Amino acid sequence: MTDAAQAQPADVRIVPSADVSPEAVIGSGSSVWHLAQVREKAVLGKNCIVGRGAYVGTGVTMGDNCKLQNYALVYEPAVLENGVFVGPAVVFTNDHFPRSIDPDGNLKRGDDWEAVGVTCKEGSSIGARSVCVAPVTIGRWALVAAGSVVTKDVPDFALVAGVPARRIRWVGRAGVPLEAGTEPNTWVCPKTGETYIEDHESLTEATK
């Protein structure tokens, strides 16, 4: 455990084998588990969980109540809003055209390329071993099925799957597939009873 753990809120849990930069900010109630690495200037909100072997890149920001499962790799400049779930072994890329060397054969450095990030909106979930190819945005409460490769933005409440990922269903806040409602272009969550309105490949919550 680095000295950074001493500067964090008293209820933060950082296990001895974790590597947390002194410049990282870890929110109250958060946990960083075995062999995880949190780089400098990363900001984690309250009650976040960083699982075994997970990586949080330089300057990555995470909201409250986020979960990074074991060996998830979240490269900068990713942004995770509140309540985002990132499954085991998920990878967020950050380079349009990755190369180890430049055309002259010289090793590329950090300032030789433009970093691009993945943005995960509130409540979204990324299934195990998925790859999100930056730049891409995962919409609010969207769900990416395990093993998918996301190459374009995912709409709010969309369930996407495959390589490349395509929308196959709609899901609600509870994460379960929605069922067709009695009215045209309406969908209902079988778990919560909430109603959603579809309009040209987008879904929004019905006004109560």
C-alpha atoms as a PDB file:
ATOM      1  CA  MET A   1       0.000   0.000   0.000  1.00  0.00           C
ATOM      2  CA  THR A   2       1.334   3.428  -0.912  1.00  0.00           C
ATOM      3  CA  ASP A   3       1.403   6.460   1.359  1.00  0.00           C
ATOM      4  CA  ALA A   4      -1.653   7.642  -0.578  1.00  0.00           C
ATOM      5  CA  ALA A   5      -3.830   5.408   1.544  1.00  0.00           C
ATOM      6  CA  GLN A   6      -2.984   7.487   4.600  1.00  0.00           C
ATOM      7  CA  ALA A   7      -4.447  10.655   3.021  1.00  0.00           C
ATOM      8  CA  GLN A   8      -7.778   9.128   2.019  1.00  0.00           C
ATOM      9  CA  PRO A   9     -10.995   9.273   4.097  1.00  0.00           C
ATOM     10  CA  ALA A  10     -10.954   6.999   7.125  1.00  0.00           C
ATOM     11  CA  ASP A  11     -13.567   4.626   5.681  1.00  0.00           C
ATOM     12  CA  VAL A  12     -11.673   3.995   2.430  1.00  0.00           C
ATOM     13  CA  ARG A  13     -10.279   0.471   2.139  1.00  0.00           C
ATOM     14  CA  ILE A  14      -7.032   0.032   0.196  1.00  0.00           C
ATOM     15  CA  VAL A  15      -5.466  -3.419   0.607  1.00  0.00           C
ATOM     16  CA  PRO A  16      -1.680  -3.632   1.024  1.00  0.00           C
ATOM     17  CA  SER A  17      -1.031  -5.090  -2.453  1.00  0.00           C
ATOM     18  CA  ALA A  18      -2.896  -2.302  -4.276  1.00  0.00           C
ATOM     19  CA  ASP A  19      -0.940   0.495  -5.978  1.00  0.00           C
ATOM     20  CA  VAL A  20      -2.666   3.839  -5.455  1.00  0.00           C
ATOM     21  CA  SER A  21      -0.981   7.059  -6.520  1.00  0.00           C
ATOM     22  CA  PRO A  22      -0.587   9.787  -3.900  1.00  0.00           C
ATOM     23  CA  GLU A  23      -2.239  12.089  -6.455  1.00  0.00           C
ATOM     24  CA  ALA A  24      -5.393   9.959  -6.767  1.00  0.00           C
ATOM     25  CA  VAL A  25      -8.577  10.952  -4.958  1.00  0.00           C
ATOM     26  CA  ILE A  26     -10.630   8.113  -3.495  1.00  0.00           C
ATOM     27  CA  GLY A  27     -14.135   8.875  -2.251  1.00  0.00           C
ATOM     28  CA  SER A  28     -15.590   7.933   1.104  1.00  0.00           C
ATOM     29  CA  GLY A  29     -16.609   4.277   1.476  1.00  0.00           C
ATOM     30  CA  SER A  30     -14.664   3.094  -1.571  1.00  0.00           C
ATOM     31  CA  SER A  31     -12.522  -0.067  -1.767  1.00  0.00           C
ATOM     32  CA  VAL A  32      -9.443  -0.865  -3.858  1.00  0.00           C
ATOM     33  CA  TRP A  33      -8.626  -4.569  -3.875  1.00  0.00           C
ATOM     34  CA  HIS A  34      -5.581  -6.788  -4.395  1.00  0.00           C
ATOM     35  CA  LEU A  35      -3.148  -5.889  -7.188  1.00  0.00           C
ATOM     36  CA  ALA A  36      -5.360  -3.076  -8.497  1.00  0.00           C
ATOM     37  CA  GLN A  37      -3.699   0.112  -9.719  1.00  0.00           C
ATOM     38  CA  VAL A  38      -5.148   3.617  -9.507  1.00  0.00           C
ATOM     39  CA  ARG A  39      -3.002   6.158 -11.326  1.00  0.00           C
ATOM     40  CA  GLU A  40      -2.229   9.782 -10.559  1.00  0.00           C
ATOM     41  CA  LYS A  41      -5.038  12.353 -10.717  1.00  0.00           C
ATOM     42  CA  ALA A  42      -7.695   9.646 -11.022  1.00  0.00           C
ATOM     43  CA  VAL A  43     -10.849  10.600  -9.129  1.00  0.00           C
ATOM     44  CA  LEU A  44     -13.179   7.990  -7.657  1.00  0.00           C
ATOM     45  CA  GLY A  45     -16.499   8.957  -6.100  1.00  0.00           C
ATOM     46  CA  LYS A  46     -18.139   7.574  -2.990  1.00  0.00           C
ATOM     47  CA  ASN A  47     -18.718   3.835  -2.446  1.00  0.00           C
ATOM     48  CA  CYS A  48     -16.780   2.698  -5.506  1.00  0.00           C
ATOM     49  CA  ILE A  49     -15.243  -0.770  -5.822  1.00  0.00           C
ATOM     50  CA  VAL A  50     -12.057  -1.428  -7.788  1.00  0.00           C
ATOM     51  CA  GLY A  51     -11.634  -5.186  -8.068  1.00  0.00           C
ATOM     52  CA  ARG A  52      -8.566  -7.394  -8.061  1.00  0.00           C
ATOM     53  CA  GLY A  53      -6.083  -6.514 -10.789  1.00  0.00           C
ATOM     54  CA  ALA A  54      -8.207  -3.677 -12.205  1.00  0.00           C
ATOM     55  CA  TYR A  55      -6.518  -0.639 -13.703  1.00  0.00           C
ATOM     56  CA  VAL A  56      -7.709   2.981 -13.470  1.00  0.00           C
ATOM     57  CA  GLY A  57      -5.713   5.260 -15.761  1.00  0.00           C
ATOM     58  CA  THR A  58      -4.288   8.715 -15.211  1.00  0.00           C
ATOM     59  CA  GLY A  59      -7.013  11.300 -14.772  1.00  0.00           C
ATOM     60  CA  VAL A  60      -9.909   8.851 -15.158  1.00  0.00           C
ATOM     61  CA  THR A  61     -13.004  10.081 -13.342  1.00  0.00           C
ATOM     62  CA  MET A  62     -15.627   7.863 -11.726  1.00  0.00           C
ATOM     63  CA  GLY A  63     -18.857   8.935 -10.057  1.00  0.00           C
ATOM     64  CA  ASP A  64     -20.416   7.451  -6.942  1.00  0.00           C
ATOM     65  CA  ASN A  65     -21.337   3.761  -6.567  1.00  0.00           C
ATOM     66  CA  CYS A  66     -19.310   2.486  -9.525  1.00  0.00           C
ATOM     67  CA  LYS A  67     -17.989  -1.080  -9.711  1.00  0.00           C
ATOM     68  CA  LEU A  68     -14.909  -2.193 -11.636  1.00  0.00           C
ATOM     69  CA  GLN A  69     -14.757  -5.970 -11.526  1.00  0.00           C
ATOM     70  CA  ASN A  70     -11.546  -8.027 -11.545  1.00  0.00           C
ATOM     71  CA  TYR A  71      -8.985  -7.150 -14.230  1.00  0.00           C
ATOM     72  CA  ALA A  72     -11.051  -4.430 -15.877  1.00  0.00           C
ATOM     73  CA  LEU A  73      -8.777  -1.985 -17.733  1.00  0.00           C
ATOM     74  CA  VAL A  74     -10.076   1.583 -17.785  1.00  0.00           C
ATOM     75  CA  TYR A  75      -7.639   3.741 -19.720  1.00  0.00           C
ATOM     76  CA  GLU A  76      -7.596   7.518 -19.668  1.00  0.00           C
ATOM     77  CA  PRO A  77      -9.414   9.743 -20.439  1.00  0.00           C
ATOM     78  CA  ALA A  78     -12.440   7.565 -19.620  1.00  0.00           C
ATOM     79  CA  VAL A  79     -15.358   9.090 -17.710  1.00  0.00           C
ATOM     80  CA  LEU A  80     -17.785   6.992 -15.680  1.00  0.00           C
ATOM     81  CA  GLU A  81     -20.888   8.646 -14.270  1.00  0.00           C
ATOM     82  CA  ASN A  82     -22.735   7.461 -11.147  1.00  0.00           C
ATOM     83  CA  GLY A  83     -23.650   3.802 -10.803  1.00  0.00           C
ATOM     84  CA  VAL A  84     -21.625   2.381 -13.712  1.00  0.00           C
ATOM     85  CA  PHE A  85     -20.790  -1.353 -13.722  1.00  0.00           C
ATOM     86  CA  VAL A  86     -17.698  -2.565 -15.586  1.00  0.00           C
ATOM     87  CA  GLY A  87     -17.473  -6.356 -15.716  1.00  0.00           C
ATOM     88  CA  PRO A  88     -14.467  -8.662 -15.387  1.00  0.00           C
ATOM     89  CA  ALA A  89     -11.697  -8.230 -17.980  1.00  0.00           C
ATOM     90  CA  VAL A  90     -13.453  -5.383 -19.812  1.00  0.00           C
ATOM     91  CA  VAL A  91     -11.130  -3.131 -21.822  1.00  0.00           C
ATOM     92  CA  PHE A  92     -11.642   0.559 -22.638  1.00  0.00           C
ATOM     93  CA  THR A  93      -9.248   1.597 -25.416  1.00  0.00           C
ATOM     94  CA  ASN A  94      -7.878   5.121 -25.811  1.00  0.00           C
ATOM     95  CA  ASP A  95      -6.087   5.411 -29.178  1.00  0.00           C
ATOM     96  CA  HIS A  96      -7.522   5.826 -32.699  1.00  0.00           C
ATOM     97  CA  PHE A  97      -4.549   4.270 -34.474  1.00  0.00           C
ATOM     98  CA  PRO A  98      -2.241   2.524 -31.985  1.00  0.00           C
ATOM     99  CA  ARG A  99       1.427   2.040 -32.827  1.00  0.00           C
ATOM    100  CA  SER A 100       4.443   1.244 -30.676  1.00  0.00           C
ATOM    101  CA  ILE A 101       6.794   3.168 -32.993  1.00  0.00           C
ATOM    102  CA  ASP A 102       6.582   6.119 -35.355  1.00  0.00           C
ATOM    103  CA  PRO A 103       7.293   5.856 -39.125  1.00  0.00           C
ATOM    104  CA  ASP A 104      11.016   6.353 -38.438  1.00  0.00           C
ATOM    105  CA  GLY A 105      11.092   3.382 -36.075  1.00  0.00           C
ATOM    106  CA  ASN A 106      11.390   5.451 -32.901  1.00  0.00           C
ATOM    107  CA  LEU A 107       9.479   4.452 -29.795  1.00  0.00           C
ATOM    108  CA  LYS A 108       6.369   6.601 -29.461  1.00  0.00           C
ATOM    109  CA  ARG A 109       5.970   8.664 -26.303  1.00  0.00           C
ATOM    110  CA  GLY A 110       2.957   9.933 -24.453  1.00  0.00           C
ATOM    111  CA  ASP A 111       2.839  13.210 -26.395  1.00  0.00           C
ATOM    112  CA  ASP A 112       3.073  11.477 -29.789  1.00  0.00           C
ATOM    113  CA  TRP A 113      -0.610  10.585 -29.961  1.00  0.00           C
ATOM    114  CA  GLU A 114      -4.026  11.932 -29.011  1.00  0.00           C
ATOM    115  CA  ALA A 115      -5.796  10.026 -26.258  1.00  0.00           C
ATOM    116  CA  VAL A 116      -9.526   9.438 -26.791  1.00  0.00           C
ATOM    117  CA  GLY A 117     -11.855   8.101 -24.159  1.00  0.00           C
ATOM    118  CA  VAL A 118     -14.913   6.011 -23.380  1.00  0.00           C
ATOM    119  CA  THR A 119     -17.802   7.737 -21.604  1.00  0.00           C
ATOM    120  CA  CYS A 120     -20.260   5.664 -19.589  1.00  0.00           C
ATOM    121  CA  LYS A 121     -23.453   7.442 -18.625  1.00  0.00           C
ATOM    122  CA  GLU A 122     -25.391   6.969 -15.388  1.00  0.00           C
ATOM    123  CA  GLY A 123     -26.372   3.396 -14.536  1.00  0.00           C
ATOM    124  CA  SER A 124     -24.831   1.780 -17.621  1.00  0.00           C
ATOM    125  CA  SER A 125     -23.313  -1.713 -17.467  1.00  0.00           C
ATOM    126  CA  ILE A 126     -20.534  -3.297 -19.514  1.00  0.00           C
ATOM    127  CA  GLY A 127     -20.532  -7.110 -19.554  1.00  0.00           C
ATOM    128  CA  ALA A 128     -17.523  -9.342 -18.956  1.00  0.00           C
ATOM    129  CA  ARG A 129     -14.699  -9.336 -21.534  1.00  0.00           C
ATOM    130  CA  SER A 130     -16.308  -6.630 -23.647  1.00  0.00           C
ATOM    131  CA  VAL A 131     -14.135  -4.133 -25.502  1.00  0.00           C
ATOM    132  CA  CYS A 132     -15.224  -0.519 -25.920  1.00  0.00           C
ATOM    133  CA  VAL A 133     -13.302   1.117 -28.762  1.00  0.00           C
ATOM    134  CA  ALA A 134     -12.837   4.825 -28.036  1.00  0.00           C
ATOM    135  CA  PRO A 135     -14.168   7.349 -28.667  1.00  0.00           C
ATOM    136  CA  VAL A 136     -17.581   5.965 -27.782  1.00  0.00           C
ATOM    137  CA  THR A 137     -20.401   6.780 -25.355  1.00  0.00           C
ATOM    138  CA  ILE A 138     -22.476   4.178 -23.534  1.00  0.00           C
ATOM    139  CA  GLY A 139     -25.887   5.713 -22.823  1.00  0.00           C
ATOM    140  CA  ARG A 140     -27.833   5.950 -19.572  1.00  0.00           C
ATOM    141  CA  TRP A 141     -28.858   2.558 -18.162  1.00  0.00           C
ATOM    142  CA  ALA A 142     -27.653   0.814 -21.322  1.00  0.00           C
ATOM    143  CA  LEU A 143     -26.382  -2.758 -21.116  1.00  0.00           C
ATOM    144  CA  VAL A 144     -23.501  -4.194 -23.145  1.00  0.00           C
ATOM    145  CA  ALA A 145     -23.657  -7.991 -23.324  1.00  0.00           C
ATOM    146  CA  ALA A 146     -20.612 -10.038 -22.350  1.00  0.00           C
ATOM    147  CA  GLY A 147     -18.001 -10.427 -25.059  1.00  0.00           C
ATOM    148  CA  SER A 148     -19.236  -7.564 -27.207  1.00  0.00           C
ATOM    149  CA  VAL A 149     -17.089  -5.110 -29.170  1.00  0.00           C
ATOM    150  CA  VAL A 150     -18.583  -1.613 -29.026  1.00  0.00           C
ATOM    151  CA  THR A 151     -17.516   0.559 -31.957  1.00  0.00           C
ATOM    152  CA  LYS A 152     -20.269   3.202 -31.965  1.00  0.00           C
ATOM    153  CA  ASP A 153     -22.362   5.081 -29.416  1.00  0.00           C
ATOM    154  CA  VAL A 154     -24.964   3.049 -27.521  1.00  0.00           C
ATOM    155  CA  PRO A 155     -28.382   4.713 -26.954  1.00  0.00           C
ATOM    156  CA  ASP A 156     -29.917   5.117 -23.513  1.00  0.00           C
ATOM    157  CA  PHE A 157     -31.610   1.905 -22.293  1.00  0.00           C
ATOM    158  CA  ALA A 158     -30.253  -0.165 -25.209  1.00  0.00           C
ATOM    159  CA  LEU A 159     -29.164  -3.775 -24.828  1.00  0.00           C
ATOM    160  CA  VAL A 160     -26.378  -4.351 -27.351  1.00  0.00           C
ATOM    161  CA  ALA A 161     -24.517  -7.550 -28.193  1.00  0.00           C
ATOM    162  CA  GLY A 162     -22.126  -8.985 -30.748  1.00  0.00           C
ATOM    163  CA  VAL A 163     -19.081  -8.044 -32.801  1.00  0.00           C
ATOM    164  CA  PRO A 164     -19.610  -5.265 -33.613  1.00  0.00           C
ATOM    165  CA  ALA A 165     -22.270  -4.632 -30.985  1.00  0.00           C
ATOM    166  CA  ARG A 166     -25.812  -3.959 -32.213  1.00  0.00           C
ATOM    167  CA  ARG A 167     -29.011  -3.256 -30.333  1.00  0.00           C
ATOM    168  CA  ILE A 168     -31.072  -6.395 -29.791  1.00  0.00           C
ATOM    169  CA  ARG A 169     -33.501  -5.273 -27.059  1.00  0.00           C
ATOM    170  CA  TRP A 170     -34.420  -2.437 -24.743  1.00  0.00           C
ATOM    171  CA  VAL A 171     -33.780  -2.616 -20.996  1.00  0.00           C
ATOM    172  CA  GLY A 172     -35.049  -0.546 -18.099  1.00  0.00           C
ATOM    173  CA  ARG A 173     -33.379   0.718 -14.966  1.00  0.00           C
ATOM    174  CA  ALA A 174     -33.662  -2.749 -13.408  1.00  0.00           C
ATOM    175  CA  GLY A 175     -31.533  -4.194 -16.212  1.00  0.00           C
ATOM    176  CA  VAL A 176     -34.081  -6.737 -17.467  1.00  0.00           C
ATOM    177  CA  PRO A 177     -35.423  -6.703 -21.056  1.00  0.00           C
ATOM    178  CA  LEU A 178     -38.569  -4.655 -21.543  1.00  0.00           C
ATOM    179  CA  GLU A 179     -41.836  -6.080 -22.824  1.00  0.00           C
ATOM    180  CA  ALA A 180     -44.153  -4.475 -25.372  1.00  0.00           C
ATOM    181  CA  GLY A 181     -46.812  -2.276 -23.777  1.00  0.00           C
ATOM    182  CA  THR A 182     -50.493  -2.087 -24.616  1.00  0.00           C
ATOM    183  CA  GLU A 183     -50.085   1.279 -26.358  1.00  0.00           C
ATOM    184  CA  PRO A 184     -48.111   1.744 -29.608  1.00  0.00           C
ATOM    185  CA  ASN A 185     -44.381   2.425 -29.162  1.00  0.00           C
ATOM    186  CA  THR A 186     -44.494   1.718 -25.441  1.00  0.00           C
ATOM    187  CA  TRP A 187     -42.399  -0.704 -23.440  1.00  0.00           C
ATOM    188  CA  VAL A 188     -42.887  -1.896 -19.859  1.00  0.00           C
ATOM    189  CA  CYS A 189     -40.407  -3.246 -17.337  1.00  0.00           C
ATOM    190  CA  PRO A 190     -41.713  -6.592 -16.034  1.00  0.00           C
ATOM    191  CA  LYS A 191     -39.873  -6.053 -12.752  1.00  0.00           C
ATOM    192  CA  THR A 192     -40.747  -2.460 -11.826  1.00  0.00           C
ATOM    193  CA  GLY A 193     -43.787  -1.742 -13.984  1.00  0.00           C
ATOM    194  CA  GLU A 194     -42.187   1.438 -15.341  1.00  0.00           C
ATOM    195  CA  THR A 195     -43.217   2.504 -18.840  1.00  0.00           C
ATOM    196  CA  TYR A 196     -40.876   3.713 -21.582  1.00  0.00           C
ATOM    197  CA  ILE A 197     -41.594   5.426 -24.909  1.00  0.00           C
ATOM    198  CA  GLU A 198     -39.767   4.509 -28.139  1.00  0.00           C
ATOM    199  CA  ASP A 199     -39.220   7.149 -30.800  1.00  0.00           C
ATOM    200  CA  HIS A 200     -36.986   6.563 -33.823  1.00  0.00           C
ATOM    201  CA  GLU A 201     -34.513   4.177 -32.197  1.00  0.00           C
ATOM    202  CA  SER A 202     -34.401   6.075 -28.925  1.00  0.00           C
ATOM    203  CA  LEU A 203     -36.090   5.282 -25.638  1.00  0.00           C
ATOM    204  CA  THR A 204     -37.141   7.620 -22.836  1.00  0.00           C
ATOM    205  CA  GLU A 205     -38.970   7.184 -19.563  1.00  0.00           C
ATOM    206  CA  ALA A 206     -42.687   7.961 -19.712  1.00  0.00           C
ATOM    207  CA  THR A 207     -43.704  11.096 -17.846  1.00  0.00           C
ATOM    208  CA  LYS A 208     -45.587  10.229 -14.700  1.00  0.00           C
END
